[in-house]
């Protein structure tokens, strides 16, 4: 999050820390899909793959108000009340979708020169997800880290920002050793309406 330029007062900084993480280097549950996706992108570029597009659909984790939950019994099934009390400390786990792009989005060939990925491709990817959900969003200019302030779009549904898309800030690309003009998008899927049943 430091490398991405996420400010200290950003809600993505409010992570749930684990008591016994699998790795001491990653002691917290993720609040955004971008860091692991960008690490995978960096690994692919480092192995010689110049043109890369990746996506992930997964859960992020939001802390809830700290509460003391009574110790649950182990000799018999906990009561419904005990289970309900334990459930109150489980973090919120909304579904997100994110994508990252580097290099050419259209390869070069006998048909002509290739076309590098741009912030417009990230916005288009987000709009495709929204259209599959059957929603219509407003696209507004935004200045939200880690995106470049002049090449960032906020996607707004019924007055609520449900995601961002655009070109990553040059400082974030440099800090994460990513190709210049790397693009990304992230959407809160739970904020979109569920599509209806498709009959074919």
C-alpha atoms as a PDB file:
ATOM      1  CA  UNK A   1       0.000   0.000   0.000  1.00  0.00           C
ATOM      2  CA  UNK A   2       2.956   2.316   0.625  1.00  0.00           C
ATOM      3  CA  UNK A   3       4.302   1.624  -2.863  1.00  0.00           C
ATOM      4  CA  UNK A   4       0.865   2.312  -4.336  1.00  0.00           C
ATOM      5  CA  UNK A   5       0.741   5.698  -2.598  1.00  0.00           C
ATOM      6  CA  UNK A   6      -2.385   4.864  -0.592  1.00  0.00           C
ATOM      7  CA  UNK A   7      -2.747   7.628   2.048  1.00  0.00           C
ATOM      8  CA  UNK A   8      -2.869   6.822   5.749  1.00  0.00           C
ATOM      9  CA  UNK A   9      -6.516   7.882   6.109  1.00  0.00           C
ATOM     10  CA  UNK A  10      -7.722   5.680   3.222  1.00  0.00           C
ATOM     11  CA  UNK A  11     -10.144   2.877   4.193  1.00  0.00           C
ATOM     12  CA  UNK A  12      -7.899   0.388   2.350  1.00  0.00           C
ATOM     13  CA  UNK A  13      -5.384   0.932   5.177  1.00  0.00           C
ATOM     14  CA  UNK A  14      -7.845  -0.487   7.741  1.00  0.00           C
ATOM     15  CA  UNK A  15      -6.825  -4.110   7.400  1.00  0.00           C
ATOM     16  CA  UNK A  16      -7.615  -7.087   9.603  1.00  0.00           C
ATOM     17  CA  UNK A  17      -4.344  -8.375  11.064  1.00  0.00           C
ATOM     18  CA  UNK A  18      -3.992 -12.100  11.659  1.00  0.00           C
ATOM     19  CA  UNK A  19      -2.579 -13.577  14.852  1.00  0.00           C
ATOM     20  CA  UNK A  20      -1.002 -16.505  13.031  1.00  0.00           C
ATOM     21  CA  UNK A  21      -0.409 -15.461   9.395  1.00  0.00           C
ATOM     22  CA  UNK A  22       1.008 -17.931   6.885  1.00  0.00           C
ATOM     23  CA  UNK A  23       3.770 -15.382   6.227  1.00  0.00           C
ATOM     24  CA  UNK A  24       5.101 -12.685   8.546  1.00  0.00           C
ATOM     25  CA  UNK A  25       5.604 -10.574   5.398  1.00  0.00           C
ATOM     26  CA  UNK A  26       1.826 -10.545   4.829  1.00  0.00           C
ATOM     27  CA  UNK A  27       0.212 -10.395   8.278  1.00  0.00           C
ATOM     28  CA  UNK A  28      -3.046  -8.753   7.159  1.00  0.00           C
ATOM     29  CA  UNK A  29      -6.063  -9.731   5.072  1.00  0.00           C
ATOM     30  CA  UNK A  30      -6.270  -7.833   1.802  1.00  0.00           C
ATOM     31  CA  UNK A  31      -8.488  -4.783   1.391  1.00  0.00           C
ATOM     32  CA  UNK A  32      -7.899  -4.521  -2.373  1.00  0.00           C
ATOM     33  CA  UNK A  33      -7.095  -7.042  -5.115  1.00  0.00           C
ATOM     34  CA  UNK A  34      -4.461  -4.842  -6.743  1.00  0.00           C
ATOM     35  CA  UNK A  35      -1.287  -5.668  -4.725  1.00  0.00           C
ATOM     36  CA  UNK A  36      -1.290  -9.439  -5.450  1.00  0.00           C
ATOM     37  CA  UNK A  37      -2.321  -8.877  -9.091  1.00  0.00           C
ATOM     38  CA  UNK A  38       0.450  -6.327  -9.610  1.00  0.00           C
ATOM     39  CA  UNK A  39       2.980  -8.677  -7.985  1.00  0.00           C
ATOM     40  CA  UNK A  40       1.937 -11.383 -10.465  1.00  0.00           C
ATOM     41  CA  UNK A  41       2.223  -8.885 -13.309  1.00  0.00           C
ATOM     42  CA  UNK A  42       5.743  -7.913 -12.174  1.00  0.00           C
ATOM     43  CA  UNK A  43       6.738 -11.589 -11.990  1.00  0.00           C
ATOM     44  CA  UNK A  44       5.451 -12.232 -15.533  1.00  0.00           C
ATOM     45  CA  UNK A  45       7.203  -9.172 -16.969  1.00  0.00           C
ATOM     46  CA  UNK A  46      10.391 -10.187 -15.151  1.00  0.00           C
ATOM     47  CA  UNK A  47      10.246 -13.564 -16.896  1.00  0.00           C
ATOM     48  CA  UNK A  48      10.128 -11.963 -20.326  1.00  0.00           C
ATOM     49  CA  UNK A  49       6.388 -11.665 -20.934  1.00  0.00           C
ATOM     50  CA  UNK A  50       6.120  -8.109 -22.225  1.00  0.00           C
ATOM     51  CA  UNK A  51       2.402  -8.072 -23.031  1.00  0.00           C
ATOM     52  CA  UNK A  52       0.341  -9.144 -20.017  1.00  0.00           C
ATOM     53  CA  UNK A  53      -3.315  -8.820 -19.012  1.00  0.00           C
ATOM     54  CA  UNK A  54      -4.518 -10.446 -15.786  1.00  0.00           C
ATOM     55  CA  UNK A  55      -7.727 -10.414 -13.770  1.00  0.00           C
ATOM     56  CA  UNK A  56      -9.034 -11.782 -10.491  1.00  0.00           C
ATOM     57  CA  UNK A  57     -12.446 -12.164  -8.913  1.00  0.00           C
ATOM     58  CA  UNK A  58     -12.083 -12.569  -5.171  1.00  0.00           C
ATOM     59  CA  UNK A  59     -12.983 -11.387  -1.720  1.00  0.00           C
ATOM     60  CA  UNK A  60     -11.510  -8.457   0.154  1.00  0.00           C
ATOM     61  CA  UNK A  61     -11.844  -8.048   3.901  1.00  0.00           C
ATOM     62  CA  UNK A  62     -13.173  -5.108   5.903  1.00  0.00           C
ATOM     63  CA  UNK A  63     -12.841  -4.968   9.694  1.00  0.00           C
ATOM     64  CA  UNK A  64     -15.881  -4.801  11.929  1.00  0.00           C
ATOM     65  CA  UNK A  65     -16.157  -3.147  15.323  1.00  0.00           C
ATOM     66  CA  UNK A  66     -14.105  -5.073  17.879  1.00  0.00           C
ATOM     67  CA  UNK A  67     -16.238  -7.120  20.265  1.00  0.00           C
ATOM     68  CA  UNK A  68     -15.480  -9.685  22.943  1.00  0.00           C
ATOM     69  CA  UNK A  69     -16.946 -13.058  22.057  1.00  0.00           C
ATOM     70  CA  UNK A  70     -17.319 -15.701  24.752  1.00  0.00           C
ATOM     71  CA  UNK A  71     -15.142 -18.780  24.379  1.00  0.00           C
ATOM     72  CA  UNK A  72     -17.056 -21.426  22.465  1.00  0.00           C
ATOM     73  CA  UNK A  73     -17.401 -24.889  23.995  1.00  0.00           C
ATOM     74  CA  UNK A  74     -15.522 -27.803  22.435  1.00  0.00           C
ATOM     75  CA  UNK A  75     -17.331 -30.668  24.190  1.00  0.00           C
ATOM     76  CA  UNK A  76     -20.673 -29.982  22.457  1.00  0.00           C
ATOM     77  CA  UNK A  77     -22.142 -27.868  19.697  1.00  0.00           C
ATOM     78  CA  UNK A  78     -22.225 -24.175  20.588  1.00  0.00           C
ATOM     79  CA  UNK A  79     -25.667 -22.678  21.049  1.00  0.00           C
ATOM     80  CA  UNK A  80     -27.227 -20.625  18.264  1.00  0.00           C
ATOM     81  CA  UNK A  81     -26.709 -17.530  20.427  1.00  0.00           C
ATOM     82  CA  UNK A  82     -22.977 -18.290  20.858  1.00  0.00           C
ATOM     83  CA  UNK A  83     -22.587 -18.852  17.112  1.00  0.00           C
ATOM     84  CA  UNK A  84     -24.421 -15.609  16.346  1.00  0.00           C
ATOM     85  CA  UNK A  85     -22.136 -13.738  18.785  1.00  0.00           C
ATOM     86  CA  UNK A  86     -19.045 -15.278  17.143  1.00  0.00           C
ATOM     87  CA  UNK A  87     -20.340 -14.276  13.709  1.00  0.00           C
ATOM     88  CA  UNK A  88     -20.360 -10.595  14.744  1.00  0.00           C
ATOM     89  CA  UNK A  89     -16.544 -10.443  14.786  1.00  0.00           C
ATOM     90  CA  UNK A  90     -16.082 -11.998  11.331  1.00  0.00           C
ATOM     91  CA  UNK A  91     -14.858  -9.329   8.880  1.00  0.00           C
ATOM     92  CA  UNK A  92     -17.094  -8.199   6.042  1.00  0.00           C
ATOM     93  CA  UNK A  93     -16.015 -10.057   2.893  1.00  0.00           C
ATOM     94  CA  UNK A  94     -17.318  -8.315  -0.236  1.00  0.00           C
ATOM     95  CA  UNK A  95     -16.541  -9.656  -3.717  1.00  0.00           C
ATOM     96  CA  UNK A  96     -14.351  -7.522  -6.000  1.00  0.00           C
ATOM     97  CA  UNK A  97     -13.053  -7.898  -9.548  1.00  0.00           C
ATOM     98  CA  UNK A  98      -9.785  -6.345 -10.724  1.00  0.00           C
ATOM     99  CA  UNK A  99      -7.673  -6.399 -13.874  1.00  0.00           C
ATOM    100  CA  UNK A 100      -4.204  -5.149 -14.779  1.00  0.00           C
ATOM    101  CA  UNK A 101      -2.677  -4.479 -18.211  1.00  0.00           C
ATOM    102  CA  UNK A 102       0.891  -3.892 -19.427  1.00  0.00           C
ATOM    103  CA  UNK A 103       2.464  -3.826 -22.867  1.00  0.00           C
ATOM    104  CA  UNK A 104       0.446  -4.216 -26.054  1.00  0.00           C
ATOM    105  CA  UNK A 105      -3.242  -4.992 -25.830  1.00  0.00           C
ATOM    106  CA  UNK A 106      -3.334  -5.628 -29.589  1.00  0.00           C
ATOM    107  CA  UNK A 107      -0.299  -7.460 -30.995  1.00  0.00           C
ATOM    108  CA  UNK A 108       1.619  -6.317 -34.057  1.00  0.00           C
ATOM    109  CA  UNK A 109       1.542  -8.463 -37.176  1.00  0.00           C
ATOM    110  CA  UNK A 110       1.057  -8.389 -40.920  1.00  0.00           C
ATOM    111  CA  UNK A 111      -2.132  -6.407 -40.264  1.00  0.00           C
ATOM    112  CA  UNK A 112      -0.207  -3.502 -38.793  1.00  0.00           C
ATOM    113  CA  UNK A 113       1.413  -2.110 -35.687  1.00  0.00           C
ATOM    114  CA  UNK A 114       0.331  -3.210 -32.253  1.00  0.00           C
ATOM    115  CA  UNK A 115      -1.501  -0.958 -29.810  1.00  0.00           C
ATOM    116  CA  UNK A 116      -0.292  -0.476 -26.235  1.00  0.00           C
ATOM    117  CA  UNK A 117      -2.762  -0.837 -23.388  1.00  0.00           C
ATOM    118  CA  UNK A 118      -4.091   2.496 -22.189  1.00  0.00           C
ATOM    119  CA  UNK A 119      -6.209   3.803 -19.367  1.00  0.00           C
ATOM    120  CA  UNK A 120      -9.198   3.673 -21.728  1.00  0.00           C
ATOM    121  CA  UNK A 121      -8.797  -0.132 -21.932  1.00  0.00           C
ATOM    122  CA  UNK A 122      -9.005  -0.342 -18.134  1.00  0.00           C
ATOM    123  CA  UNK A 123     -12.182   1.757 -18.165  1.00  0.00           C
ATOM    124  CA  UNK A 124     -13.591  -0.423 -20.965  1.00  0.00           C
ATOM    125  CA  UNK A 125     -12.886  -3.594 -18.954  1.00  0.00           C
ATOM    126  CA  UNK A 126     -14.746  -2.144 -15.962  1.00  0.00           C
ATOM    127  CA  UNK A 127     -17.681  -1.111 -18.143  1.00  0.00           C
ATOM    128  CA  UNK A 128     -17.887  -4.622 -19.586  1.00  0.00           C
ATOM    129  CA  UNK A 129     -18.258  -6.066 -16.095  1.00  0.00           C
ATOM    130  CA  UNK A 130     -20.929  -3.493 -15.292  1.00  0.00           C
ATOM    131  CA  UNK A 131     -22.828  -4.243 -18.509  1.00  0.00           C
ATOM    132  CA  UNK A 132     -22.856  -7.990 -17.777  1.00  0.00           C
ATOM    133  CA  UNK A 133     -24.429  -7.138 -14.417  1.00  0.00           C
ATOM    134  CA  UNK A 134     -27.111  -5.234 -16.302  1.00  0.00           C
ATOM    135  CA  UNK A 135     -26.208  -1.945 -14.632  1.00  0.00           C
ATOM    136  CA  UNK A 136     -25.469   1.489 -16.011  1.00  0.00           C
ATOM    137  CA  UNK A 137     -22.805   3.599 -14.339  1.00  0.00           C
ATOM    138  CA  UNK A 138     -21.643   7.150 -14.739  1.00  0.00           C
ATOM    139  CA  UNK A 139     -17.941   7.552 -15.559  1.00  0.00           C
ATOM    140  CA  UNK A 140     -16.381  10.574 -13.831  1.00  0.00           C
ATOM    141  CA  UNK A 141     -12.853  11.964 -13.753  1.00  0.00           C
ATOM    142  CA  UNK A 142     -11.152  11.112 -10.461  1.00  0.00           C
ATOM    143  CA  UNK A 143      -7.845  11.480  -8.642  1.00  0.00           C
ATOM    144  CA  UNK A 144      -7.621   8.380  -6.466  1.00  0.00           C
ATOM    145  CA  UNK A 145      -4.339   6.619  -5.622  1.00  0.00           C
ATOM    146  CA  UNK A 146      -2.795   4.504  -7.055  1.00  0.00           C
ATOM    147  CA  UNK A 147      -4.079   5.904 -10.347  1.00  0.00           C
ATOM    148  CA  UNK A 148      -2.629   8.821 -12.305  1.00  0.00           C
ATOM    149  CA  UNK A 149      -4.774  11.858 -11.423  1.00  0.00           C
ATOM    150  CA  UNK A 150      -5.210  12.836 -15.075  1.00  0.00           C
ATOM    151  CA  UNK A 151      -5.976   9.316 -16.272  1.00  0.00           C
ATOM    152  CA  UNK A 152      -8.328   7.928 -13.641  1.00  0.00           C
ATOM    153  CA  UNK A 153     -12.060   7.321 -13.809  1.00  0.00           C
ATOM    154  CA  UNK A 154     -14.509   6.697 -10.991  1.00  0.00           C
ATOM    155  CA  UNK A 155     -17.473   4.473 -11.810  1.00  0.00           C
ATOM    156  CA  UNK A 156     -20.573   5.750 -10.046  1.00  0.00           C
ATOM    157  CA  UNK A 157     -23.811   3.802  -9.579  1.00  0.00           C
ATOM    158  CA  UNK A 158     -26.790   5.648  -8.068  1.00  0.00           C
ATOM    159  CA  UNK A 159     -24.493   8.269  -6.544  1.00  0.00           C
ATOM    160  CA  UNK A 160     -22.058   5.713  -5.022  1.00  0.00           C
ATOM    161  CA  UNK A 161     -18.541   5.080  -6.321  1.00  0.00           C
ATOM    162  CA  UNK A 162     -18.318   1.336  -7.055  1.00  0.00           C
ATOM    163  CA  UNK A 163     -14.850   1.270  -8.603  1.00  0.00           C
ATOM    164  CA  UNK A 164     -11.956   2.983 -10.316  1.00  0.00           C
ATOM    165  CA  UNK A 165     -10.052   2.404 -13.534  1.00  0.00           C
ATOM    166  CA  UNK A 166      -7.154   4.027 -15.334  1.00  0.00           C
ATOM    167  CA  UNK A 167      -3.401   4.289 -15.628  1.00  0.00           C
ATOM    168  CA  UNK A 168      -1.300   3.743 -12.515  1.00  0.00           C
ATOM    169  CA  UNK A 169       0.665   6.696 -11.190  1.00  0.00           C
ATOM    170  CA  UNK A 170       4.267   6.743 -12.483  1.00  0.00           C
ATOM    171  CA  UNK A 171       5.549   6.726  -8.881  1.00  0.00           C
ATOM    172  CA  UNK A 172       3.585   3.530  -8.155  1.00  0.00           C
ATOM    173  CA  UNK A 173       4.935   1.882 -11.325  1.00  0.00           C
ATOM    174  CA  UNK A 174       8.488   2.832 -10.339  1.00  0.00           C
ATOM    175  CA  UNK A 175       8.090   1.705  -6.714  1.00  0.00           C
ATOM    176  CA  UNK A 176       6.682  -1.686  -7.773  1.00  0.00           C
ATOM    177  CA  UNK A 177       9.108  -2.121 -10.706  1.00  0.00           C
ATOM    178  CA  UNK A 178       6.242  -2.247 -13.205  1.00  0.00           C
ATOM    179  CA  UNK A 179       6.336  -1.111 -16.835  1.00  0.00           C
ATOM    180  CA  UNK A 180       5.490   2.570 -17.329  1.00  0.00           C
ATOM    181  CA  UNK A 181       1.816   3.229 -18.109  1.00  0.00           C
ATOM    182  CA  UNK A 182       0.598   0.017 -16.487  1.00  0.00           C
ATOM    183  CA  UNK A 183      -3.195   0.207 -16.248  1.00  0.00           C
ATOM    184  CA  UNK A 184      -5.647  -1.296 -13.774  1.00  0.00           C
ATOM    185  CA  UNK A 185      -9.273  -1.383 -12.697  1.00  0.00           C
ATOM    186  CA  UNK A 186     -11.087  -2.590  -9.594  1.00  0.00           C
ATOM    187  CA  UNK A 187     -14.834  -2.850  -8.975  1.00  0.00           C
ATOM    188  CA  UNK A 188     -16.929  -3.799  -5.960  1.00  0.00           C
ATOM    189  CA  UNK A 189     -19.057  -6.596  -7.399  1.00  0.00           C
ATOM    190  CA  UNK A 190     -21.402  -6.697  -4.402  1.00  0.00           C
ATOM    191  CA  UNK A 191     -22.372  -3.100  -5.181  1.00  0.00           C
ATOM    192  CA  UNK A 192     -23.670  -4.111  -8.613  1.00  0.00           C
ATOM    193  CA  UNK A 193     -27.100  -5.650  -9.131  1.00  0.00           C
ATOM    194  CA  UNK A 194     -27.247  -9.363  -9.856  1.00  0.00           C
ATOM    195  CA  UNK A 195     -27.976 -10.077 -13.519  1.00  0.00           C
ATOM    196  CA  UNK A 196     -31.200 -11.847 -14.324  1.00  0.00           C
ATOM    197  CA  UNK A 197     -31.430 -15.445 -15.502  1.00  0.00           C
ATOM    198  CA  UNK A 198     -30.239 -15.863 -19.078  1.00  0.00           C
ATOM    199  CA  UNK A 199     -32.438 -18.135 -21.185  1.00  0.00           C
ATOM    200  CA  UNK A 200     -30.956 -19.416 -24.434  1.00  0.00           C
END
